Amino acid sequence: MRTVNIHAAKSQLSRLIEAVAGGEEVVIAKAGTPVARLVPLEARPGLRFGLMKGTIRIADDFNAPLADDVLATFEGR
C-alpha cells in the first residue's frame, strides 16, 4: 500500500487512479496523517432476469375494477 501526501495526490491523480485500477490501494495523508484511502470499486453483478421467478405471484384479477365502496374511499365520495 502506497502513501502519498495531498499535494502529490493532486499532481499525480491520473497515475494513482491507474495504480488503483490495477488493484493497488493508495493512502492519502495530510501532514503525514492518513485521511483517505483509494481502493478499486467492486464490480457490480449483472442484472439477472427471472431471478424472482416462482416467488412472486400476481392475482388473475389484479386489474379488475374496484368495488364501489373501496373506490369511494379514494375519490372522497
PDB file of N, CA and C in Angstrom:
ATOM      1  N   MET A   1       0.846  -1.167   0.000  1.00  0.00           N
ATOM      2  CA  MET A   1       0.000   0.000   0.000  1.00  0.00           C
ATOM      3  C   MET A   1       0.896   1.236   0.000  1.00  0.00           C
ATOM      4  N   ARG A   2       0.646   2.100  -0.958  1.00  0.00           N
ATOM      5  CA  ARG A   2       1.440   3.308  -1.117  1.00  0.00           C
ATOM      6  C   ARG A   2       0.763   4.459  -0.375  1.00  0.00           C
ATOM      7  N   THR A   3       1.570   5.328   0.270  1.00  0.00           N
ATOM      8  CA  THR A   3       1.048   6.514   0.945  1.00  0.00           C
ATOM      9  C   THR A   3       1.612   7.743   0.251  1.00  0.00           C
ATOM     10  N   VAL A   4       0.714   8.679  -0.091  1.00  0.00           N
ATOM     11  CA  VAL A   4       1.147   9.928  -0.722  1.00  0.00           C
ATOM     12  C   VAL A   4       0.494  11.092   0.006  1.00  0.00           C
ATOM     13  N   ASN A   5       1.172  12.248  -0.006  1.00  0.00           N
ATOM     14  CA  ASN A   5       0.561  13.408   0.628  1.00  0.00           C
ATOM     15  C   ASN A   5      -0.430  14.058  -0.337  1.00  0.00           C
ATOM     16  N   ILE A   6      -1.240  14.956   0.169  1.00  0.00           N
ATOM     17  CA  ILE A   6      -2.310  15.548  -0.623  1.00  0.00           C
ATOM     18  C   ILE A   6      -1.770  16.260  -1.858  1.00  0.00           C
ATOM     19  N   HIS A   7      -0.703  17.015  -1.707  1.00  0.00           N
ATOM     20  CA  HIS A   7      -0.129  17.743  -2.844  1.00  0.00           C
ATOM     21  C   HIS A   7       0.286  16.771  -3.942  1.00  0.00           C
ATOM     22  N   ALA A   8       0.956  15.703  -3.587  1.00  0.00           N
ATOM     23  CA  ALA A   8       1.378  14.705  -4.580  1.00  0.00           C
ATOM     24  C   ALA A   8       0.166  14.024  -5.197  1.00  0.00           C
ATOM     25  N   ALA A   9      -0.851  13.774  -4.401  1.00  0.00           N
ATOM     26  CA  ALA A   9      -2.056  13.124  -4.917  1.00  0.00           C
ATOM     27  C   ALA A   9      -2.737  14.014  -5.960  1.00  0.00           C
ATOM     28  N   LYS A  10      -2.773  15.329  -5.710  1.00  0.00           N
ATOM     29  CA  LYS A  10      -3.385  16.243  -6.674  1.00  0.00           C
ATOM     30  C   LYS A  10      -2.603  16.271  -7.985  1.00  0.00           C
ATOM     31  N   SER A  11      -1.301  16.255  -7.898  1.00  0.00           N
ATOM     32  CA  SER A  11      -0.498  16.360  -9.111  1.00  0.00           C
ATOM     33  C   SER A  11      -0.327  15.017  -9.825  1.00  0.00           C
ATOM     34  N   GLN A  12      -0.588  13.914  -9.154  1.00  0.00           N
ATOM     35  CA  GLN A  12      -0.405  12.583  -9.746  1.00  0.00           C
ATOM     36  C   GLN A  12      -1.701  11.775  -9.774  1.00  0.00           C
ATOM     37  N   LEU A  13      -2.834  12.451  -9.776  1.00  0.00           N
ATOM     38  CA  LEU A  13      -4.112  11.746  -9.654  1.00  0.00           C
ATOM     39  C   LEU A  13      -4.308  10.694 -10.748  1.00  0.00           C
ATOM     40  N   SER A  14      -3.981  11.022 -11.979  1.00  0.00           N
ATOM     41  CA  SER A  14      -4.164  10.050 -13.069  1.00  0.00           C
ATOM     42  C   SER A  14      -3.348   8.786 -12.827  1.00  0.00           C
ATOM     43  N   ARG A  15      -2.112   8.948 -12.414  1.00  0.00           N
ATOM     44  CA  ARG A  15      -1.253   7.782 -12.146  1.00  0.00           C
ATOM     45  C   ARG A  15      -1.764   6.973 -10.957  1.00  0.00           C
ATOM     46  N   LEU A  16      -2.253   7.675  -9.935  1.00  0.00           N
ATOM     47  CA  LEU A  16      -2.780   6.968  -8.766  1.00  0.00           C
ATOM     48  C   LEU A  16      -4.029   6.170  -9.137  1.00  0.00           C
ATOM     49  N   ILE A  17      -4.885   6.744  -9.971  1.00  0.00           N
ATOM     50  CA  ILE A  17      -6.087   6.025 -10.396  1.00  0.00           C
ATOM     51  C   ILE A  17      -5.716   4.802 -11.220  1.00  0.00           C
ATOM     52  N   GLU A  18      -4.724   4.911 -12.074  1.00  0.00           N
ATOM     53  CA  GLU A  18      -4.262   3.745 -12.838  1.00  0.00           C
ATOM     54  C   GLU A  18      -3.749   2.651 -11.906  1.00  0.00           C
ATOM     55  N   ALA A  19      -3.008   3.038 -10.873  1.00  0.00           N
ATOM     56  CA  ALA A  19      -2.492   2.062  -9.910  1.00  0.00           C
ATOM     57  C   ALA A  19      -3.635   1.385  -9.166  1.00  0.00           C
ATOM     58  N   VAL A  20      -4.638   2.168  -8.781  1.00  0.00           N
ATOM     59  CA  VAL A  20      -5.783   1.616  -8.064  1.00  0.00           C
ATOM     60  C   VAL A  20      -6.577   0.688  -8.981  1.00  0.00           C
ATOM     61  N   ALA A  21      -6.743   1.082 -10.229  1.00  0.00           N
ATOM     62  CA  ALA A  21      -7.456   0.229 -11.184  1.00  0.00           C
ATOM     63  C   ALA A  21      -6.729  -1.096 -11.376  1.00  0.00           C
ATOM     64  N   GLY A  22      -5.436  -1.092 -11.162  1.00  0.00           N
ATOM     65  CA  GLY A  22      -4.637  -2.315 -11.261  1.00  0.00           C
ATOM     66  C   GLY A  22      -4.651  -3.148  -9.992  1.00  0.00           C
ATOM     67  N   GLY A  23      -5.408  -2.712  -8.988  1.00  0.00           N
ATOM     68  CA  GLY A  23      -5.547  -3.491  -7.768  1.00  0.00           C
ATOM     69  C   GLY A  23      -4.811  -2.958  -6.562  1.00  0.00           C
ATOM     70  N   GLU A  24      -4.028  -1.918  -6.732  1.00  0.00           N
ATOM     71  CA  GLU A  24      -3.265  -1.356  -5.614  1.00  0.00           C
ATOM     72  C   GLU A  24      -4.151  -0.434  -4.774  1.00  0.00           C
ATOM     73  N   GLU A  25      -3.869  -0.344  -3.491  1.00  0.00           N
ATOM     74  CA  GLU A  25      -4.544   0.613  -2.623  1.00  0.00           C
ATOM     75  C   GLU A  25      -3.581   1.760  -2.345  1.00  0.00           C
ATOM     76  N   VAL A  26      -4.128   2.986  -2.312  1.00  0.00           N
ATOM     77  CA  VAL A  26      -3.307   4.171  -2.077  1.00  0.00           C
ATOM     78  C   VAL A  26      -3.912   4.943  -0.912  1.00  0.00           C
ATOM     79  N   VAL A  27      -3.071   5.306   0.054  1.00  0.00           N
ATOM     80  CA  VAL A  27      -3.497   6.103   1.197  1.00  0.00           C
ATOM     81  C   VAL A  27      -3.052   7.534   0.957  1.00  0.00           C
ATOM     82  N   ILE A  28      -3.969   8.476   1.171  1.00  0.00           N
ATOM     83  CA  ILE A  28      -3.646   9.891   1.038  1.00  0.00           C
ATOM     84  C   ILE A  28      -3.525  10.462   2.441  1.00  0.00           C
ATOM     85  N   ALA A  29      -2.416  11.168   2.680  1.00  0.00           N
ATOM     86  CA  ALA A  29      -2.127  11.686   4.011  1.00  0.00           C
ATOM     87  C   ALA A  29      -2.048  13.206   3.997  1.00  0.00           C
ATOM     88  N   LYS A  30      -2.403  13.789   5.129  1.00  0.00           N
ATOM     89  CA  LYS A  30      -2.263  15.237   5.329  1.00  0.00           C
ATOM     90  C   LYS A  30      -1.302  15.426   6.488  1.00  0.00           C
ATOM     91  N   ALA A  31      -0.165  16.041   6.208  1.00  0.00           N
ATOM     92  CA  ALA A  31       0.892  16.241   7.205  1.00  0.00           C
ATOM     93  C   ALA A  31       1.303  14.914   7.835  1.00  0.00           C
ATOM     94  N   GLY A  32       1.366  13.870   7.010  1.00  0.00           N
ATOM     95  CA  GLY A  32       1.810  12.564   7.493  1.00  0.00           C
ATOM     96  C   GLY A  32       0.729  11.716   8.145  1.00  0.00           C
ATOM     97  N   THR A  33      -0.477  12.275   8.328  1.00  0.00           N
ATOM     98  CA  THR A  33      -1.569  11.536   8.949  1.00  0.00           C
ATOM     99  C   THR A  33      -2.524  11.032   7.871  1.00  0.00           C
ATOM    100  N   PRO A  34      -2.747   9.722   7.782  1.00  0.00           N
ATOM    101  CA  PRO A  34      -3.666   9.198   6.764  1.00  0.00           C
ATOM    102  C   PRO A  34      -5.068   9.770   6.937  1.00  0.00           C
ATOM    103  N   VAL A  35      -5.662  10.238   5.822  1.00  0.00           N
ATOM    104  CA  VAL A  35      -7.008  10.803   5.876  1.00  0.00           C
ATOM    105  C   VAL A  35      -7.966  10.146   4.882  1.00  0.00           C
ATOM    106  N   ALA A  36      -7.439   9.477   3.871  1.00  0.00           N
ATOM    107  CA  ALA A  36      -8.310   8.851   2.872  1.00  0.00           C
ATOM    108  C   ALA A  36      -7.592   7.662   2.247  1.00  0.00           C
ATOM    109  N   ARG A  37      -8.416   6.780   1.666  1.00  0.00           N
ATOM    110  CA  ARG A  37      -7.848   5.595   1.023  1.00  0.00           C
ATOM    111  C   ARG A  37      -8.524   5.418  -0.332  1.00  0.00           C
ATOM    112  N   LEU A  38      -7.727   5.284  -1.375  1.00  0.00           N
ATOM    113  CA  LEU A  38      -8.252   4.995  -2.705  1.00  0.00           C
ATOM    114  C   LEU A  38      -8.196   3.487  -2.905  1.00  0.00           C
ATOM    115  N   VAL A  39      -9.339   2.909  -3.217  1.00  0.00           N
ATOM    116  CA  VAL A  39      -9.410   1.466  -3.444  1.00  0.00           C
ATOM    117  C   VAL A  39     -10.204   1.219  -4.716  1.00  0.00           C
ATOM    118  N   PRO A  40      -9.965   0.094  -5.391  1.00  0.00           N
ATOM    119  CA  PRO A  40     -10.736  -0.196  -6.602  1.00  0.00           C
ATOM    120  C   PRO A  40     -12.201  -0.474  -6.263  1.00  0.00           C
ATOM    121  N   LEU A  41     -13.094  -0.056  -7.141  1.00  0.00           N
ATOM    122  CA  LEU A  41     -14.514  -0.349  -6.963  1.00  0.00           C
ATOM    123  C   LEU A  41     -14.766  -1.823  -7.221  1.00  0.00           C
ATOM    124  N   GLU A  42     -15.715  -2.371  -6.483  1.00  0.00           N
ATOM    125  CA  GLU A  42     -16.103  -3.750  -6.723  1.00  0.00           C
ATOM    126  C   GLU A  42     -17.004  -3.782  -7.950  1.00  0.00           C
ATOM    127  N   ALA A  43     -16.837  -4.786  -8.762  1.00  0.00           N
ATOM    128  CA  ALA A  43     -17.690  -4.922  -9.941  1.00  0.00           C
ATOM    129  C   ALA A  43     -19.097  -5.274  -9.496  1.00  0.00           C
ATOM    130  N   ARG A  44     -20.070  -4.619 -10.080  1.00  0.00           N
ATOM    131  CA  ARG A  44     -21.464  -4.906  -9.752  1.00  0.00           C
ATOM    132  C   ARG A  44     -21.911  -6.128 -10.551  1.00  0.00           C
ATOM    133  N   PRO A  45     -22.658  -7.004  -9.919  1.00  0.00           N
ATOM    134  CA  PRO A  45     -23.147  -8.152 -10.678  1.00  0.00           C
ATOM    135  C   PRO A  45     -24.155  -7.689 -11.722  1.00  0.00           C
ATOM    136  N   GLY A  46     -24.177  -8.372 -12.836  1.00  0.00           N
ATOM    137  CA  GLY A  46     -25.096  -8.023 -13.907  1.00  0.00           C
ATOM    138  C   GLY A  46     -26.537  -8.317 -13.522  1.00  0.00           C
ATOM    139  N   LEU A  47     -27.449  -7.687 -14.220  1.00  0.00           N
ATOM    140  CA  LEU A  47     -28.869  -7.880 -13.986  1.00  0.00           C
ATOM    141  C   LEU A  47     -29.260  -9.269 -14.470  1.00  0.00           C
ATOM    142  N   ARG A  48     -29.922 -10.019 -13.619  1.00  0.00           N
ATOM    143  CA  ARG A  48     -30.336 -11.381 -13.975  1.00  0.00           C
ATOM    144  C   ARG A  48     -31.851 -11.429 -14.074  1.00  0.00           C
ATOM    145  N   PHE A  49     -32.359 -11.529 -15.286  1.00  0.00           N
ATOM    146  CA  PHE A  49     -33.795 -11.615 -15.490  1.00  0.00           C
ATOM    147  C   PHE A  49     -34.298 -12.968 -15.028  1.00  0.00           C
ATOM    148  N   GLY A  50     -35.477 -12.963 -14.430  1.00  0.00           N
ATOM    149  CA  GLY A  50     -36.088 -14.201 -13.977  1.00  0.00           C
ATOM    150  C   GLY A  50     -35.604 -14.654 -12.619  1.00  0.00           C
ATOM    151  N   LEU A  51     -34.850 -13.835 -11.931  1.00  0.00           N
ATOM    152  CA  LEU A  51     -34.292 -14.202 -10.631  1.00  0.00           C
ATOM    153  C   LEU A  51     -35.379 -14.505  -9.605  1.00  0.00           C
ATOM    154  N   MET A  52     -36.497 -13.793  -9.663  1.00  0.00           N
ATOM    155  CA  MET A  52     -37.584 -13.971  -8.699  1.00  0.00           C
ATOM    156  C   MET A  52     -38.690 -14.894  -9.219  1.00  0.00           C
ATOM    157  N   LYS A  53     -38.456 -15.535 -10.348  1.00  0.00           N
ATOM    158  CA  LYS A  53     -39.484 -16.396 -10.938  1.00  0.00           C
ATOM    159  C   LYS A  53     -39.930 -17.454  -9.924  1.00  0.00           C
ATOM    160  N   GLY A  54     -41.239 -17.559  -9.772  1.00  0.00           N
ATOM    161  CA  GLY A  54     -41.795 -18.537  -8.858  1.00  0.00           C
ATOM    162  C   GLY A  54     -41.976 -18.022  -7.434  1.00  0.00           C
ATOM    163  N   THR A  55     -41.440 -16.850  -7.112  1.00  0.00           N
ATOM    164  CA  THR A  55     -41.577 -16.324  -5.749  1.00  0.00           C
ATOM    165  C   THR A  55     -42.592 -15.198  -5.666  1.00  0.00           C
ATOM    166  N   ILE A  56     -42.903 -14.596  -6.805  1.00  0.00           N
ATOM    167  CA  ILE A  56     -43.881 -13.520  -6.833  1.00  0.00           C
ATOM    168  C   ILE A  56     -45.082 -13.997  -7.634  1.00  0.00           C
ATOM    169  N   ARG A  57     -46.266 -13.767  -7.078  1.00  0.00           N
ATOM    170  CA  ARG A  57     -47.488 -14.188  -7.769  1.00  0.00           C
ATOM    171  C   ARG A  57     -48.391 -12.979  -7.938  1.00  0.00           C
ATOM    172  N   ILE A  58     -48.879 -12.788  -9.145  1.00  0.00           N
ATOM    173  CA  ILE A  58     -49.814 -11.708  -9.426  1.00  0.00           C
ATOM    174  C   ILE A  58     -51.179 -12.348  -9.620  1.00  0.00           C
ATOM    175  N   ALA A  59     -52.148 -11.863  -8.863  1.00  0.00           N
ATOM    176  CA  ALA A  59     -53.502 -12.425  -8.933  1.00  0.00           C
ATOM    177  C   ALA A  59     -54.086 -12.219 -10.325  1.00  0.00           C
ATOM    178  N   ASP A  60     -54.929 -13.153 -10.736  1.00  0.00           N
ATOM    179  CA  ASP A  60     -55.547 -13.077 -12.055  1.00  0.00           C
ATOM    180  C   ASP A  60     -56.418 -11.834 -12.206  1.00  0.00           C
ATOM    181  N   ASP A  61     -56.976 -11.351 -11.106  1.00  0.00           N
ATOM    182  CA  ASP A  61     -57.874 -10.198 -11.170  1.00  0.00           C
ATOM    183  C   ASP A  61     -57.212  -8.900 -10.685  1.00  0.00           C
ATOM    184  N   PHE A  62     -55.891  -8.795 -10.812  1.00  0.00           N
ATOM    185  CA  PHE A  62     -55.186  -7.637 -10.261  1.00  0.00           C
ATOM    186  C   PHE A  62     -55.645  -6.320 -10.894  1.00  0.00           C
ATOM    187  N   ASN A  63     -56.144  -6.359 -12.126  1.00  0.00           N
ATOM    188  CA  ASN A  63     -56.576  -5.126 -12.771  1.00  0.00           C
ATOM    189  C   ASN A  63     -58.101  -5.035 -12.906  1.00  0.00           C
ATOM    190  N   ALA A  64     -58.806  -5.815 -12.124  1.00  0.00           N
ATOM    191  CA  ALA A  64     -60.273  -5.765 -12.136  1.00  0.00           C
ATOM    192  C   ALA A  64     -60.735  -4.468 -11.480  1.00  0.00           C
ATOM    193  N   PRO A  65     -61.890  -3.950 -11.892  1.00  0.00           N
ATOM    194  CA  PRO A  65     -62.400  -2.718 -11.277  1.00  0.00           C
ATOM    195  C   PRO A  65     -62.610  -2.901  -9.774  1.00  0.00           C
ATOM    196  N   LEU A  66     -62.376  -1.834  -9.026  1.00  0.00           N
ATOM    197  CA  LEU A  66     -62.575  -1.870  -7.577  1.00  0.00           C
ATOM    198  C   LEU A  66     -64.065  -1.821  -7.254  1.00  0.00           C
ATOM    199  N   ALA A  67     -64.407  -2.381  -6.114  1.00  0.00           N
ATOM    200  CA  ALA A  67     -65.791  -2.305  -5.643  1.00  0.00           C
ATOM    201  C   ALA A  67     -66.124  -0.845  -5.369  1.00  0.00           C
ATOM    202  N   ASP A  68     -67.397  -0.479  -5.497  1.00  0.00           N
ATOM    203  CA  ASP A  68     -67.812   0.922  -5.331  1.00  0.00           C
ATOM    204  C   ASP A  68     -67.439   1.492  -3.969  1.00  0.00           C
ATOM    205  N   ASP A  69     -67.566   0.707  -2.900  1.00  0.00           N
ATOM    206  CA  ASP A  69     -67.235   1.228  -1.570  1.00  0.00           C
ATOM    207  C   ASP A  69     -65.731   1.480  -1.423  1.00  0.00           C
ATOM    208  N   VAL A  70     -64.910   0.647  -2.029  1.00  0.00           N
ATOM    209  CA  VAL A  70     -63.451   0.851  -1.986  1.00  0.00           C
ATOM    210  C   VAL A  70     -63.075   2.051  -2.836  1.00  0.00           C
ATOM    211  N   LEU A  71     -63.648   2.138  -4.010  1.00  0.00           N
ATOM    212  CA  LEU A  71     -63.385   3.251  -4.907  1.00  0.00           C
ATOM    213  C   LEU A  71     -63.783   4.576  -4.268  1.00  0.00           C
ATOM    214  N   ALA A  72     -64.870   4.577  -3.516  1.00  0.00           N
ATOM    215  CA  ALA A  72     -65.340   5.800  -2.859  1.00  0.00           C
ATOM    216  C   ALA A  72     -64.321   6.327  -1.849  1.00  0.00           C
ATOM    217  N   THR A  73     -63.596   5.454  -1.188  1.00  0.00           N
ATOM    218  CA  THR A  73     -62.603   5.918  -0.208  1.00  0.00           C
ATOM    219  C   THR A  73     -61.446   6.659  -0.892  1.00  0.00           C
ATOM    220  N   PHE A  74     -61.160   6.310  -2.137  1.00  0.00           N
ATOM    221  CA  PHE A  74     -60.094   7.004  -2.864  1.00  0.00           C
ATOM    222  C   PHE A  74     -60.586   8.306  -3.477  1.00  0.00           C
ATOM    223  N   GLU A  75     -61.832   8.341  -3.826  1.00  0.00           N
ATOM    224  CA  GLU A  75     -62.358   9.521  -4.532  1.00  0.00           C
ATOM    225  C   GLU A  75     -63.055  10.497  -3.587  1.00  0.00           C
ATOM    226  N   GLY A  76     -63.176  10.136  -2.329  1.00  0.00           N
ATOM    227  CA  GLY A  76     -63.782  11.034  -1.358  1.00  0.00           C
ATOM    228  C   GLY A  76     -65.287  11.197  -1.525  1.00  0.00           C
ATOM    229  N   ARG A  77     -65.913  10.153  -2.013  1.00  0.00           N
ATOM    230  CA  ARG A  77     -67.391  10.221  -2.178  1.00  0.00           C
ATOM    231  C   ARG A  77     -68.091  10.061  -0.870  1.00  0.00           C
TER     232      ARG A  77
END
